[in-house]
Structures are given as C-alpha cells and as structure tokens.
Amino acid sequence: MAPNVLGTDELNENDMLMEELPPEAALDGPPPNADDLLRRTLGTVREERHQAVRRRGRITAVSSTLVVAGVLAGGVWMGQGMGVGGTEDAVLQGTSADGAHLAVRVTETEGGLRLVATVDGVRDGEACWLVVHTKDGRTFTAGSWRAHEGEVTLAGSAMVRAGDVAGVSVVNHDRQPLVTAG
C-alpha cells in the first residue's frame, strides 16, 4: 500500500473547503462557557418575544379605541340628522284680521322640513296653499287643499333648513296671504 500522502492539488482543495466554513465548525465540543452563552441567548429571545407581545397588545388597544370612537362619532352624527338628541320642534302661530288661525309644527328632517299645520277660519271652498317663506325671500309650497267649514289639519314638507325659515303662510289661488305664522 502506498503511504497516506496528499498531493498539492488535494491540499489546495482542502484549504478552499476550510475557508468556506465558519470558524465555529472547527471547534471540538461545546465552548467552555456554553451554559452562560445558552442562558444569555434564551434570555434575549424571551425578552424580544415579550416586547413583541406587548407591542401587539398596545396596537390592538389603540386600534380598538379608534374604532369605538369612530362608531360613537358616527352615531352622534346620524342621530343629529334624525332629530335625536335634544332637537325640539318649532311651533309657529298666527291670526289674520279676518279671524283665520294658523298653527304650524315645524320639524327638521334629513331632507328638509316636515310641517303639520292646523288652519281654521278660512272661507269655505277657498283653494289654499301652505307656503314656507325663507329669510332670503324664497318660497316653498308645502301642501294644498280646498278649505271647508271647521278646522283642517294638513301635513306637508319643504326642502329648506329650519334655520332659514322666516314664516309660514296660507295663501289663496291669487297667492294673497290669508293668514301668516312666524
């Protein structure tokens, strides 16, 4: 048998293989302070995991708080549009020189006004229109009817905000006011 002698090519090949390996691969057995190193490594891993859990908990708490605040704000906003939360109906009243009486309950809704008018004292058979007058001079017809003897209650609506209302009138066919409230 030939003696165990490596040629130059084989030695160069072994050197190249050894250069690719990290120095830890050449250790024989665990390092002398392996227990301390393992303890420090495990402590670091546990601390990093604990911090990640706390960070996720904080993010979840902040996100939940923002969602709840958004839902509450949306509920308040929607409730205001539906007449909830302390908004009261306005009641306008008026009497004409001829003795006609008008009482109108005005309720603001999401799309404008809802009116319920009670009219009394208008001549029997008169064609009447319930008209809303705004502060800037515009008029909106909220309903119409033919008057009869006694009291008439009429519901109507107009696309105007309650804050813009200057008054409500009952007018005849010639648009002459019969009675005005406001």
Protein backbone atom coordinates (compact mmCIF):
# COMPACT_ATOMS: atom_id res chain seq x y z
CA MET A 1 0.00 0.00 0.00
CA ALA A 2 1.05 3.45 -0.65
CA PRO A 3 1.74 5.76 2.24
CA ASN A 4 -1.00 8.29 3.10
CA VAL A 5 0.45 11.27 1.34
CA LEU A 6 -1.70 14.06 -0.11
CA GLY A 7 -0.73 15.74 -3.27
CA THR A 8 -0.54 19.50 -3.71
CA ASP A 9 -3.86 19.62 -5.56
CA GLU A 10 -5.63 17.77 -2.77
CA LEU A 11 -4.16 20.08 -0.11
CA ASN A 12 -5.26 23.17 -2.02
CA GLU A 13 -8.74 21.66 -2.33
CA ASN A 14 -8.91 21.04 1.46
CA ASP A 15 -7.74 24.62 2.15
CA MET A 16 -10.50 26.01 -0.05
CA LEU A 17 -13.11 23.89 1.74
CA MET A 18 -11.84 25.07 5.13
CA GLU A 19 -12.03 28.74 4.05
CA GLU A 20 -15.75 28.36 3.25
CA LEU A 21 -16.61 27.02 6.72
CA PRO A 22 -17.10 29.39 9.67
CA PRO A 23 -14.51 29.11 12.43
CA GLU A 24 -17.09 27.58 14.78
CA ALA A 25 -17.13 24.43 12.61
CA ALA A 26 -13.57 23.65 13.66
CA LEU A 27 -14.47 23.55 17.37
CA ASP A 28 -14.30 20.19 19.02
CA GLY A 29 -17.14 20.04 21.58
CA PRO A 30 -19.01 22.90 23.23
CA PRO A 31 -17.18 26.07 24.21
CA PRO A 32 -16.11 26.29 27.85
CA ASN A 33 -18.79 28.91 28.77
CA ALA A 34 -21.62 27.19 26.81
CA ASP A 35 -24.12 27.29 29.69
CA ASP A 36 -23.74 31.06 30.13
CA LEU A 37 -23.99 31.63 26.37
CA LEU A 38 -27.12 29.49 26.11
CA ARG A 39 -28.70 31.25 29.11
CA ARG A 40 -27.98 34.73 27.60
CA THR A 41 -29.29 33.69 24.18
CA LEU A 42 -32.52 32.25 25.60
CA GLY A 43 -32.98 35.35 27.78
CA THR A 44 -32.60 37.61 24.74
CA VAL A 45 -35.09 35.55 22.72
CA ARG A 46 -37.61 35.59 25.59
CA GLU A 47 -37.26 39.37 26.07
CA GLU A 48 -37.70 40.06 22.34
CA ARG A 49 -40.81 37.85 22.27
CA HIS A 50 -42.23 39.58 25.36
CA GLN A 51 -41.66 43.01 23.77
CA ALA A 52 -43.39 41.90 20.55
CA VAL A 53 -46.42 40.66 22.52
CA ARG A 54 -46.63 43.95 24.45
CA ARG A 55 -46.32 45.96 21.22
CA ARG A 56 -49.12 43.93 19.59
CA GLY A 57 -51.28 44.47 22.68
CA ARG A 58 -50.75 48.24 22.54
CA ILE A 59 -51.53 48.34 18.81
CA THR A 60 -54.71 46.31 19.38
CA ALA A 61 -55.80 48.59 22.23
CA VAL A 62 -55.22 51.77 20.21
CA SER A 63 -56.98 50.33 17.16
CA SER A 64 -59.98 49.23 19.24
CA THR A 65 -60.21 52.67 20.87
CA LEU A 66 -60.18 54.39 17.49
CA VAL A 67 -62.89 52.07 16.11
CA VAL A 68 -65.12 52.69 19.15
CA ALA A 69 -64.59 56.46 18.88
CA GLY A 70 -65.45 56.35 15.17
CA VAL A 71 -68.63 54.37 15.81
CA LEU A 72 -69.70 56.77 18.56
CA ALA A 73 -68.98 59.84 16.41
CA GLY A 74 -70.93 58.31 13.51
CA GLY A 75 -73.86 57.54 15.80
CA VAL A 76 -73.94 61.09 17.12
CA TRP A 77 -73.72 62.49 13.60
CA MET A 78 -76.51 60.24 12.32
CA GLY A 79 -78.62 60.91 15.40
CA GLN A 80 -78.50 64.65 14.79
CA GLY A 81 -79.86 64.19 11.28
CA MET A 82 -82.78 62.14 12.60
CA GLY A 83 -83.92 64.68 15.16
CA VAL A 84 -82.48 62.71 18.09
CA GLY A 85 -80.57 64.27 20.93
CA GLY A 86 -82.44 67.31 22.15
CA THR A 87 -83.70 68.90 18.95
CA GLU A 88 -87.21 70.25 19.50
CA ASP A 89 -89.99 71.03 17.06
CA ALA A 90 -90.79 74.69 16.49
CA VAL A 91 -94.41 75.80 16.69
CA LEU A 92 -95.39 78.90 14.72
CA GLN A 93 -98.76 80.56 15.26
CA GLY A 94 -100.64 83.40 13.65
CA THR A 95 -104.09 85.02 13.36
CA SER A 96 -105.35 87.18 10.49
CA ALA A 97 -107.52 90.31 10.76
CA ASP A 98 -110.39 88.25 9.25
CA GLY A 99 -110.19 85.73 12.11
CA ALA A 100 -108.31 82.89 10.37
CA HIS A 101 -105.97 80.94 12.67
CA LEU A 102 -102.81 79.03 11.74
CA ALA A 103 -100.62 76.84 13.97
CA VAL A 104 -97.71 75.02 12.35
CA ARG A 105 -95.38 72.46 13.94
CA VAL A 106 -92.06 72.52 12.05
CA THR A 107 -89.71 69.53 12.39
CA GLU A 108 -86.29 69.46 10.71
CA THR A 109 -85.52 66.19 8.97
CA GLU A 110 -82.54 64.95 6.99
CA GLY A 111 -84.04 66.14 3.70
CA GLY A 112 -85.65 69.41 4.83
CA LEU A 113 -88.72 70.24 6.91
CA ARG A 114 -91.81 68.32 7.89
CA LEU A 115 -94.79 70.58 8.67
CA VAL A 116 -98.10 69.82 10.34
CA ALA A 117 -100.46 72.79 10.03
CA THR A 118 -103.83 73.34 11.64
CA VAL A 119 -105.92 76.00 9.90
CA ASP A 120 -109.29 77.39 10.99
CA GLY A 121 -111.43 80.30 9.88
CA VAL A 122 -110.75 80.23 6.12
CA ARG A 123 -113.78 80.75 3.87
CA ASP A 124 -115.49 77.50 2.84
CA GLY A 125 -114.45 76.34 -0.69
CA GLU A 126 -111.30 78.54 -0.84
CA ALA A 127 -108.34 76.93 -2.69
CA CYS A 128 -105.41 77.13 -0.23
CA TRP A 129 -101.69 76.53 -0.33
CA LEU A 130 -99.36 76.12 2.64
CA VAL A 131 -96.23 78.14 1.79
CA VAL A 132 -92.89 78.34 3.64
CA HIS A 133 -91.06 81.70 3.39
CA THR A 134 -87.28 81.82 3.86
CA LYS A 135 -85.21 84.67 5.26
CA ASP A 136 -83.71 85.34 1.82
CA GLY A 137 -87.15 85.76 0.18
CA ARG A 138 -87.67 82.34 -1.43
CA THR A 139 -90.96 80.44 -1.07
CA PHE A 140 -91.64 76.71 -0.98
CA THR A 141 -95.10 75.18 -1.34
CA ALA A 142 -95.54 72.51 1.33
CA GLY A 143 -99.11 71.43 0.52
CA SER A 144 -102.52 72.42 -0.82
CA TRP A 145 -106.21 71.75 -0.10
CA ARG A 146 -109.70 73.17 -0.52
CA ALA A 147 -110.94 74.74 2.69
CA HIS A 148 -114.17 73.60 4.30
CA GLU A 149 -116.11 74.64 7.32
CA GLY A 150 -114.22 73.91 10.53
CA GLU A 151 -110.62 73.11 11.31
CA VAL A 152 -108.26 71.50 8.76
CA THR A 153 -105.04 69.67 9.68
CA LEU A 154 -102.55 69.27 6.87
CA ALA A 155 -99.13 67.58 6.73
CA GLY A 156 -96.55 68.79 4.24
CA SER A 157 -92.84 69.12 3.60
CA ALA A 158 -90.37 71.58 2.11
CA MET A 159 -86.72 71.29 1.14
CA VAL A 160 -85.37 74.07 3.35
CA ARG A 161 -83.46 74.12 6.65
CA ALA A 162 -85.34 75.13 9.80
CA GLY A 163 -82.87 77.94 10.49
CA ASP A 164 -83.74 79.55 7.14
CA VAL A 165 -87.50 79.77 7.81
CA ALA A 166 -88.91 83.27 8.21
CA GLY A 167 -92.56 82.22 8.40
CA VAL A 168 -95.35 80.02 7.07
CA SER A 169 -98.46 81.30 5.30
CA VAL A 170 -101.72 80.05 3.92
CA VAL A 171 -102.27 81.74 0.54
CA ASN A 172 -105.23 81.69 -1.84
CA HIS A 173 -105.37 80.99 -5.58
CA ASP A 174 -104.10 84.52 -6.33
CA ARG A 175 -101.14 83.99 -3.92
CA GLN A 176 -102.61 86.51 -1.48
CA PRO A 177 -101.85 85.61 2.16
CA LEU A 178 -104.91 84.56 4.14
CA VAL A 179 -103.05 84.02 7.44
CA THR A 180 -99.32 84.03 8.35
CA ALA A 181 -97.48 82.41 11.26
CA GLY A 182 -93.98 83.20 12.31
